[in-house]
Amino acid sequence: MSEDSFDLGPRRHPRKMSLTPMIDVVFLLLIFFMLSSRFGMDAVLPVAGGSEGSGSEWQGAPRLVDIAPDGILLNGVETPEGDLARALAALMPEEGAAVILRPRDGADLQRLVGVMDHLRAEGFNNMILVE
């Protein structure tokens, strides 16, 4: 047997691995995490609990705001959201007095937060949330 009988041609170099599939996977993971993450800031809503302090007595007229999906009731009377701050101001015994908010069946959280933001913009910062 001669050396020529075992000649298999020129020696081939091992094929280099392609990085394209790995880059594709990393790109897809990047897009997934970008779309599934939240970029907005979480808002903190300061709400007083019903049992703050040492049982202080309620002062002034009742200030119960019922938040329904289709309207707002102040002490049981339908009140437009634009007139709510003016109607509440007439009932306040002093500045900083509490306002009770009660979401009704069917009112979603966004509706409640919208009313709270409106009241806070009008200067009502002491809100108590009840069921």
N, C-alpha and C. Protein backbone atom coordinates (compact mmCIF):
# COMPACT_ATOMS: atom_id res chain seq x y z
N MET A 1 0.82 -1.16 0.00
CA MET A 1 0.00 0.00 0.00
C MET A 1 0.87 1.23 0.00
N SER A 2 0.53 1.99 -0.93
CA SER A 2 1.32 3.21 -1.07
C SER A 2 0.58 4.37 -0.41
N GLU A 3 1.29 5.40 -0.30
CA GLU A 3 0.75 6.59 0.32
C GLU A 3 -0.36 7.20 -0.52
N ASP A 4 -0.34 6.98 -1.82
CA ASP A 4 -1.33 7.58 -2.71
C ASP A 4 -2.69 6.92 -2.57
N SER A 5 -2.76 5.69 -2.13
CA SER A 5 -4.05 5.02 -2.04
C SER A 5 -4.91 5.54 -0.90
N PHE A 6 -4.31 6.19 0.07
CA PHE A 6 -5.07 6.76 1.20
C PHE A 6 -5.29 8.25 1.07
N ASP A 7 -4.99 8.81 -0.01
CA ASP A 7 -5.14 10.25 -0.20
C ASP A 7 -6.62 10.59 -0.38
N LEU A 8 -7.15 11.37 0.49
CA LEU A 8 -8.56 11.75 0.44
C LEU A 8 -8.76 13.16 -0.08
N GLY A 9 -7.81 13.74 -0.66
CA GLY A 9 -7.90 15.08 -1.21
C GLY A 9 -7.32 16.09 -0.24
N PRO A 10 -7.52 17.35 -0.57
CA PRO A 10 -6.97 18.38 0.33
C PRO A 10 -7.69 18.36 1.68
N ARG A 11 -6.95 18.66 2.68
CA ARG A 11 -7.49 18.62 4.03
C ARG A 11 -8.49 19.76 4.21
N ARG A 12 -9.69 19.42 4.70
CA ARG A 12 -10.72 20.45 4.93
C ARG A 12 -10.63 20.94 6.36
N HIS A 13 -10.81 22.23 6.50
CA HIS A 13 -10.80 22.83 7.83
C HIS A 13 -12.21 22.72 8.42
N PRO A 14 -12.30 22.57 9.74
CA PRO A 14 -13.65 22.49 10.34
C PRO A 14 -14.43 23.78 10.06
N ARG A 15 -15.70 23.61 9.84
CA ARG A 15 -16.56 24.74 9.51
C ARG A 15 -16.75 25.62 10.74
N LYS A 16 -16.68 26.93 10.57
CA LYS A 16 -16.86 27.87 11.68
C LYS A 16 -18.34 27.97 12.01
N MET A 17 -18.63 28.08 13.31
CA MET A 17 -20.02 28.21 13.72
C MET A 17 -20.52 29.61 13.39
N SER A 18 -21.77 29.69 12.96
CA SER A 18 -22.38 30.98 12.65
C SER A 18 -22.99 31.56 13.92
N LEU A 19 -22.78 32.84 14.13
CA LEU A 19 -23.35 33.51 15.30
C LEU A 19 -24.73 34.10 15.02
N THR A 20 -25.17 34.01 13.78
CA THR A 20 -26.45 34.61 13.41
C THR A 20 -27.63 34.06 14.21
N PRO A 21 -27.78 32.74 14.38
CA PRO A 21 -28.92 32.27 15.19
C PRO A 21 -28.87 32.74 16.64
N MET A 22 -27.68 32.82 17.21
CA MET A 22 -27.58 33.28 18.59
C MET A 22 -27.94 34.77 18.68
N ILE A 23 -27.52 35.56 17.72
CA ILE A 23 -27.86 36.98 17.70
C ILE A 23 -29.37 37.15 17.53
N ASP A 24 -29.98 36.32 16.70
CA ASP A 24 -31.44 36.38 16.53
C ASP A 24 -32.17 36.09 17.83
N VAL A 25 -31.72 35.09 18.56
CA VAL A 25 -32.36 34.74 19.83
C VAL A 25 -32.19 35.86 20.84
N VAL A 26 -31.01 36.43 20.93
CA VAL A 26 -30.77 37.54 21.86
C VAL A 26 -31.64 38.73 21.48
N PHE A 27 -31.77 39.02 20.20
CA PHE A 27 -32.61 40.12 19.74
C PHE A 27 -34.07 39.88 20.10
N LEU A 28 -34.56 38.66 19.92
CA LEU A 28 -35.94 38.35 20.27
C LEU A 28 -36.17 38.46 21.77
N LEU A 29 -35.20 38.03 22.57
CA LEU A 29 -35.33 38.18 24.03
C LEU A 29 -35.34 39.65 24.43
N LEU A 30 -34.52 40.44 23.78
CA LEU A 30 -34.49 41.87 24.07
C LEU A 30 -35.83 42.51 23.76
N ILE A 31 -36.40 42.19 22.63
CA ILE A 31 -37.72 42.74 22.27
C ILE A 31 -38.79 42.26 23.25
N PHE A 32 -38.74 40.98 23.63
CA PHE A 32 -39.72 40.46 24.59
C PHE A 32 -39.67 41.22 25.91
N PHE A 33 -38.47 41.42 26.45
CA PHE A 33 -38.36 42.09 27.74
C PHE A 33 -38.69 43.58 27.64
N MET A 34 -38.40 44.18 26.51
CA MET A 34 -38.77 45.59 26.35
C MET A 34 -40.28 45.76 26.29
N LEU A 35 -40.96 44.84 25.61
CA LEU A 35 -42.41 44.95 25.50
C LEU A 35 -43.14 44.54 26.77
N SER A 36 -42.54 43.65 27.54
CA SER A 36 -43.23 43.18 28.75
C SER A 36 -42.91 44.03 29.98
N SER A 37 -41.95 44.93 29.90
CA SER A 37 -41.62 45.75 31.05
C SER A 37 -42.45 47.03 31.03
N ARG A 38 -42.55 47.66 32.18
CA ARG A 38 -43.30 48.91 32.29
C ARG A 38 -42.30 50.04 32.42
N PHE A 39 -42.53 51.08 31.63
CA PHE A 39 -41.61 52.21 31.66
C PHE A 39 -42.18 53.38 32.44
N GLY A 40 -43.46 53.34 32.78
CA GLY A 40 -44.09 54.44 33.50
C GLY A 40 -43.75 54.41 34.98
N MET A 41 -43.94 55.53 35.60
CA MET A 41 -43.72 55.62 37.04
C MET A 41 -45.00 55.23 37.76
N ASP A 42 -44.87 54.49 38.82
CA ASP A 42 -46.03 54.14 39.63
C ASP A 42 -46.39 55.34 40.50
N ALA A 43 -47.66 55.64 40.53
CA ALA A 43 -48.11 56.77 41.34
C ALA A 43 -48.49 56.28 42.73
N VAL A 44 -48.17 57.06 43.71
CA VAL A 44 -48.51 56.75 45.08
C VAL A 44 -49.71 57.61 45.45
N LEU A 45 -50.76 56.96 45.89
CA LEU A 45 -51.97 57.67 46.26
C LEU A 45 -52.09 57.69 47.78
N PRO A 46 -51.87 58.83 48.41
CA PRO A 46 -52.01 58.88 49.86
C PRO A 46 -53.49 58.86 50.24
N VAL A 47 -53.91 57.80 50.87
CA VAL A 47 -55.30 57.65 51.29
C VAL A 47 -55.30 57.33 52.77
N ALA A 48 -56.09 58.05 53.50
CA ALA A 48 -56.18 57.81 54.93
C ALA A 48 -57.08 56.61 55.19
N GLY A 49 -56.71 55.83 56.16
CA GLY A 49 -57.56 54.71 56.56
C GLY A 49 -58.71 55.20 57.41
N GLY A 50 -59.69 54.36 57.62
CA GLY A 50 -60.86 54.77 58.38
C GLY A 50 -60.61 54.90 59.86
N SER A 51 -59.51 54.37 60.39
CA SER A 51 -59.29 54.38 61.84
C SER A 51 -57.99 55.08 62.19
N GLU A 52 -57.80 56.28 61.68
CA GLU A 52 -56.59 57.03 62.00
C GLU A 52 -56.68 57.65 63.38
N GLY A 53 -55.59 57.67 64.05
CA GLY A 53 -55.53 58.38 65.33
C GLY A 53 -56.42 57.79 66.39
N SER A 54 -56.85 58.65 67.27
CA SER A 54 -57.59 58.18 68.44
C SER A 54 -59.06 58.55 68.34
N GLY A 55 -59.75 58.06 67.37
CA GLY A 55 -61.20 58.20 67.28
C GLY A 55 -61.72 59.61 67.39
N SER A 56 -61.21 60.52 66.57
CA SER A 56 -61.70 61.90 66.63
C SER A 56 -63.12 61.96 66.08
N GLU A 57 -63.89 62.90 66.58
CA GLU A 57 -65.28 63.01 66.16
C GLU A 57 -65.37 63.73 64.83
N TRP A 58 -66.37 63.36 64.05
CA TRP A 58 -66.60 63.99 62.75
C TRP A 58 -67.14 65.39 62.96
N GLN A 59 -66.62 66.32 62.18
CA GLN A 59 -67.07 67.70 62.32
C GLN A 59 -67.66 68.17 61.00
N GLY A 60 -68.72 68.94 61.10
CA GLY A 60 -69.34 69.52 59.92
C GLY A 60 -70.34 68.58 59.27
N ALA A 61 -70.79 69.01 58.10
CA ALA A 61 -71.79 68.24 57.35
C ALA A 61 -71.17 66.97 56.79
N PRO A 62 -72.00 65.98 56.46
CA PRO A 62 -71.45 64.78 55.83
C PRO A 62 -70.84 65.12 54.47
N ARG A 63 -69.75 64.43 54.15
CA ARG A 63 -69.06 64.63 52.88
C ARG A 63 -68.74 63.28 52.28
N LEU A 64 -69.78 62.58 51.83
CA LEU A 64 -69.64 61.25 51.27
C LEU A 64 -69.76 61.35 49.75
N VAL A 65 -68.71 60.96 49.05
CA VAL A 65 -68.69 60.99 47.59
C VAL A 65 -68.78 59.55 47.10
N ASP A 66 -69.93 59.21 46.50
CA ASP A 66 -70.11 57.89 45.90
C ASP A 66 -69.66 57.97 44.45
N ILE A 67 -68.74 57.08 44.08
CA ILE A 67 -68.20 57.07 42.72
C ILE A 67 -68.81 55.89 41.98
N ALA A 68 -69.71 56.18 41.07
CA ALA A 68 -70.37 55.16 40.26
C ALA A 68 -69.72 55.15 38.87
N PRO A 69 -69.94 54.08 38.10
CA PRO A 69 -69.34 54.04 36.76
C PRO A 69 -69.81 55.16 35.85
N ASP A 70 -71.03 55.63 36.07
CA ASP A 70 -71.59 56.63 35.15
C ASP A 70 -71.85 57.98 35.80
N GLY A 71 -71.44 58.18 37.04
CA GLY A 71 -71.68 59.46 37.69
C GLY A 71 -71.10 59.53 39.08
N ILE A 72 -71.25 60.68 39.69
CA ILE A 72 -70.75 60.93 41.04
C ILE A 72 -71.91 61.44 41.88
N LEU A 73 -72.04 60.91 43.08
CA LEU A 73 -73.08 61.36 44.00
C LEU A 73 -72.41 61.95 45.24
N LEU A 74 -72.82 63.15 45.59
CA LEU A 74 -72.34 63.78 46.82
C LEU A 74 -73.48 63.74 47.82
N ASN A 75 -73.31 62.97 48.87
CA ASN A 75 -74.34 62.76 49.89
C ASN A 75 -75.65 62.29 49.25
N GLY A 76 -75.56 61.45 48.24
CA GLY A 76 -76.73 60.88 47.60
C GLY A 76 -77.32 61.70 46.48
N VAL A 77 -76.76 62.87 46.20
CA VAL A 77 -77.28 63.76 45.15
C VAL A 77 -76.32 63.72 43.97
N GLU A 78 -76.88 63.45 42.78
CA GLU A 78 -76.06 63.43 41.56
C GLU A 78 -75.38 64.78 41.37
N THR A 79 -74.04 64.74 41.21
CA THR A 79 -73.25 65.96 41.07
C THR A 79 -72.29 65.80 39.91
N PRO A 80 -72.27 66.74 38.97
CA PRO A 80 -71.28 66.66 37.89
C PRO A 80 -69.86 66.77 38.45
N GLU A 81 -68.92 66.08 37.82
CA GLU A 81 -67.55 66.07 38.34
C GLU A 81 -66.95 67.47 38.37
N GLY A 82 -67.31 68.31 37.43
CA GLY A 82 -66.79 69.68 37.41
C GLY A 82 -67.30 70.53 38.56
N ASP A 83 -68.47 70.21 39.10
CA ASP A 83 -69.05 70.98 40.21
C ASP A 83 -68.77 70.35 41.58
N LEU A 84 -68.09 69.21 41.59
CA LEU A 84 -67.88 68.48 42.84
C LEU A 84 -67.05 69.29 43.84
N ALA A 85 -65.97 69.91 43.38
CA ALA A 85 -65.10 70.65 44.30
C ALA A 85 -65.84 71.83 44.92
N ARG A 86 -66.62 72.54 44.13
CA ARG A 86 -67.38 73.70 44.66
C ARG A 86 -68.43 73.23 45.67
N ALA A 87 -69.10 72.12 45.37
CA ALA A 87 -70.12 71.60 46.30
C ALA A 87 -69.47 71.10 47.58
N LEU A 88 -68.30 70.48 47.48
CA LEU A 88 -67.61 70.01 48.68
C LEU A 88 -67.09 71.17 49.52
N ALA A 89 -66.61 72.22 48.87
CA ALA A 89 -66.07 73.37 49.60
C ALA A 89 -67.14 74.00 50.49
N ALA A 90 -68.39 73.98 50.04
CA ALA A 90 -69.48 74.55 50.85
C ALA A 90 -69.75 73.71 52.09
N LEU A 91 -69.38 72.44 52.07
CA LEU A 91 -69.65 71.54 53.20
C LEU A 91 -68.49 71.43 54.18
N MET A 92 -67.34 71.99 53.85
CA MET A 92 -66.14 71.82 54.68
C MET A 92 -66.18 72.74 55.89
N PRO A 93 -66.04 72.20 57.11
CA PRO A 93 -66.02 73.05 58.29
C PRO A 93 -64.70 73.80 58.43
N GLU A 94 -63.62 73.22 57.93
CA GLU A 94 -62.29 73.85 57.99
C GLU A 94 -61.45 73.27 56.86
N GLU A 95 -60.42 73.99 56.52
CA GLU A 95 -59.54 73.51 55.46
C GLU A 95 -58.80 72.26 55.94
N GLY A 96 -58.74 71.26 55.10
CA GLY A 96 -58.06 70.02 55.46
C GLY A 96 -58.97 68.98 56.08
N ALA A 97 -60.26 69.26 56.16
CA ALA A 97 -61.19 68.28 56.70
C ALA A 97 -61.31 67.10 55.74
N ALA A 98 -61.72 65.97 56.26
CA ALA A 98 -61.74 64.73 55.47
C ALA A 98 -62.95 64.66 54.54
N VAL A 99 -62.71 63.99 53.42
CA VAL A 99 -63.76 63.67 52.46
C VAL A 99 -63.77 62.15 52.33
N ILE A 100 -64.95 61.55 52.41
CA ILE A 100 -65.05 60.09 52.33
C ILE A 100 -65.40 59.70 50.89
N LEU A 101 -64.60 58.82 50.32
CA LEU A 101 -64.83 58.31 48.97
C LEU A 101 -65.29 56.87 49.06
N ARG A 102 -66.37 56.55 48.32
CA ARG A 102 -66.88 55.19 48.34
C ARG A 102 -67.17 54.76 46.90
N PRO A 103 -66.33 53.88 46.34
CA PRO A 103 -66.62 53.38 44.98
C PRO A 103 -67.81 52.43 45.02
N ARG A 104 -68.72 52.59 44.06
CA ARG A 104 -69.90 51.73 43.98
C ARG A 104 -69.62 50.56 43.05
N ASP A 105 -70.54 49.59 43.03
CA ASP A 105 -70.39 48.42 42.17
C ASP A 105 -70.27 48.85 40.72
N GLY A 106 -69.26 48.31 40.05
CA GLY A 106 -69.07 48.60 38.64
C GLY A 106 -68.08 49.72 38.38
N ALA A 107 -67.74 50.52 39.38
CA ALA A 107 -66.77 51.59 39.20
C ALA A 107 -65.37 50.98 39.23
N ASP A 108 -64.60 51.20 38.18
CA ASP A 108 -63.26 50.61 38.14
C ASP A 108 -62.25 51.52 38.84
N LEU A 109 -61.07 50.98 39.01
CA LEU A 109 -60.02 51.69 39.74
C LEU A 109 -59.61 52.98 39.03
N GLN A 110 -59.58 52.96 37.72
CA GLN A 110 -59.19 54.16 36.97
C GLN A 110 -60.18 55.30 37.23
N ARG A 111 -61.43 54.98 37.34
CA ARG A 111 -62.45 56.00 37.64
C ARG A 111 -62.21 56.60 39.02
N LEU A 112 -61.93 55.74 39.99
CA LEU A 112 -61.65 56.20 41.36
C LEU A 112 -60.42 57.10 41.38
N VAL A 113 -59.36 56.69 40.72
CA VAL A 113 -58.12 57.47 40.70
C VAL A 113 -58.35 58.80 39.99
N GLY A 114 -59.15 58.81 38.94
CA GLY A 114 -59.45 60.06 38.25
C GLY A 114 -60.17 61.06 39.15
N VAL A 115 -61.13 60.58 39.93
CA VAL A 115 -61.85 61.47 40.86
C VAL A 115 -60.90 61.96 41.96
N MET A 116 -60.05 61.05 42.45
CA MET A 116 -59.09 61.46 43.48
C MET A 116 -58.12 62.51 42.95
N ASP A 117 -57.64 62.33 41.72
CA ASP A 117 -56.74 63.32 41.13
C ASP A 117 -57.44 64.66 40.97
N HIS A 118 -58.70 64.63 40.54
CA HIS A 118 -59.47 65.87 40.39
C HIS A 118 -59.61 66.59 41.73
N LEU A 119 -59.95 65.84 42.77
CA LEU A 119 -60.11 66.45 44.10
C LEU A 119 -58.77 66.97 44.62
N ARG A 120 -57.71 66.22 44.41
CA ARG A 120 -56.40 66.66 44.88
C ARG A 120 -55.97 67.95 44.15
N ALA A 121 -56.28 68.05 42.87
CA ALA A 121 -55.95 69.27 42.11
C ALA A 121 -56.74 70.48 42.63
N GLU A 122 -57.92 70.22 43.19
CA GLU A 122 -58.75 71.31 43.74
C GLU A 122 -58.41 71.63 45.19
N GLY A 123 -57.44 70.92 45.76
CA GLY A 123 -56.99 71.23 47.13
C GLY A 123 -57.52 70.33 48.21
N PHE A 124 -58.24 69.27 47.87
CA PHE A 124 -58.74 68.33 48.88
C PHE A 124 -57.72 67.19 49.01
N ASN A 125 -56.91 67.24 50.07
CA ASN A 125 -55.83 66.25 50.23
C ASN A 125 -56.15 65.19 51.26
N ASN A 126 -57.15 65.39 52.09
CA ASN A 126 -57.48 64.43 53.14
C ASN A 126 -58.68 63.61 52.67
N MET A 127 -58.42 62.44 52.10
CA MET A 127 -59.47 61.58 51.59
C MET A 127 -59.43 60.24 52.31
N ILE A 128 -60.59 59.76 52.65
CA ILE A 128 -60.72 58.46 53.30
C ILE A 128 -61.48 57.55 52.34
N LEU A 129 -60.91 56.41 52.06
CA LEU A 129 -61.49 55.45 51.13
C LEU A 129 -62.18 54.36 51.94
N VAL A 130 -63.48 54.13 51.68
CA VAL A 130 -64.25 53.10 52.37
C VAL A 130 -64.88 52.18 51.35
N GLU A 131 -65.30 51.02 51.85
CA GLU A 131 -65.96 50.06 50.98
C GLU A 131 -67.43 50.36 50.86
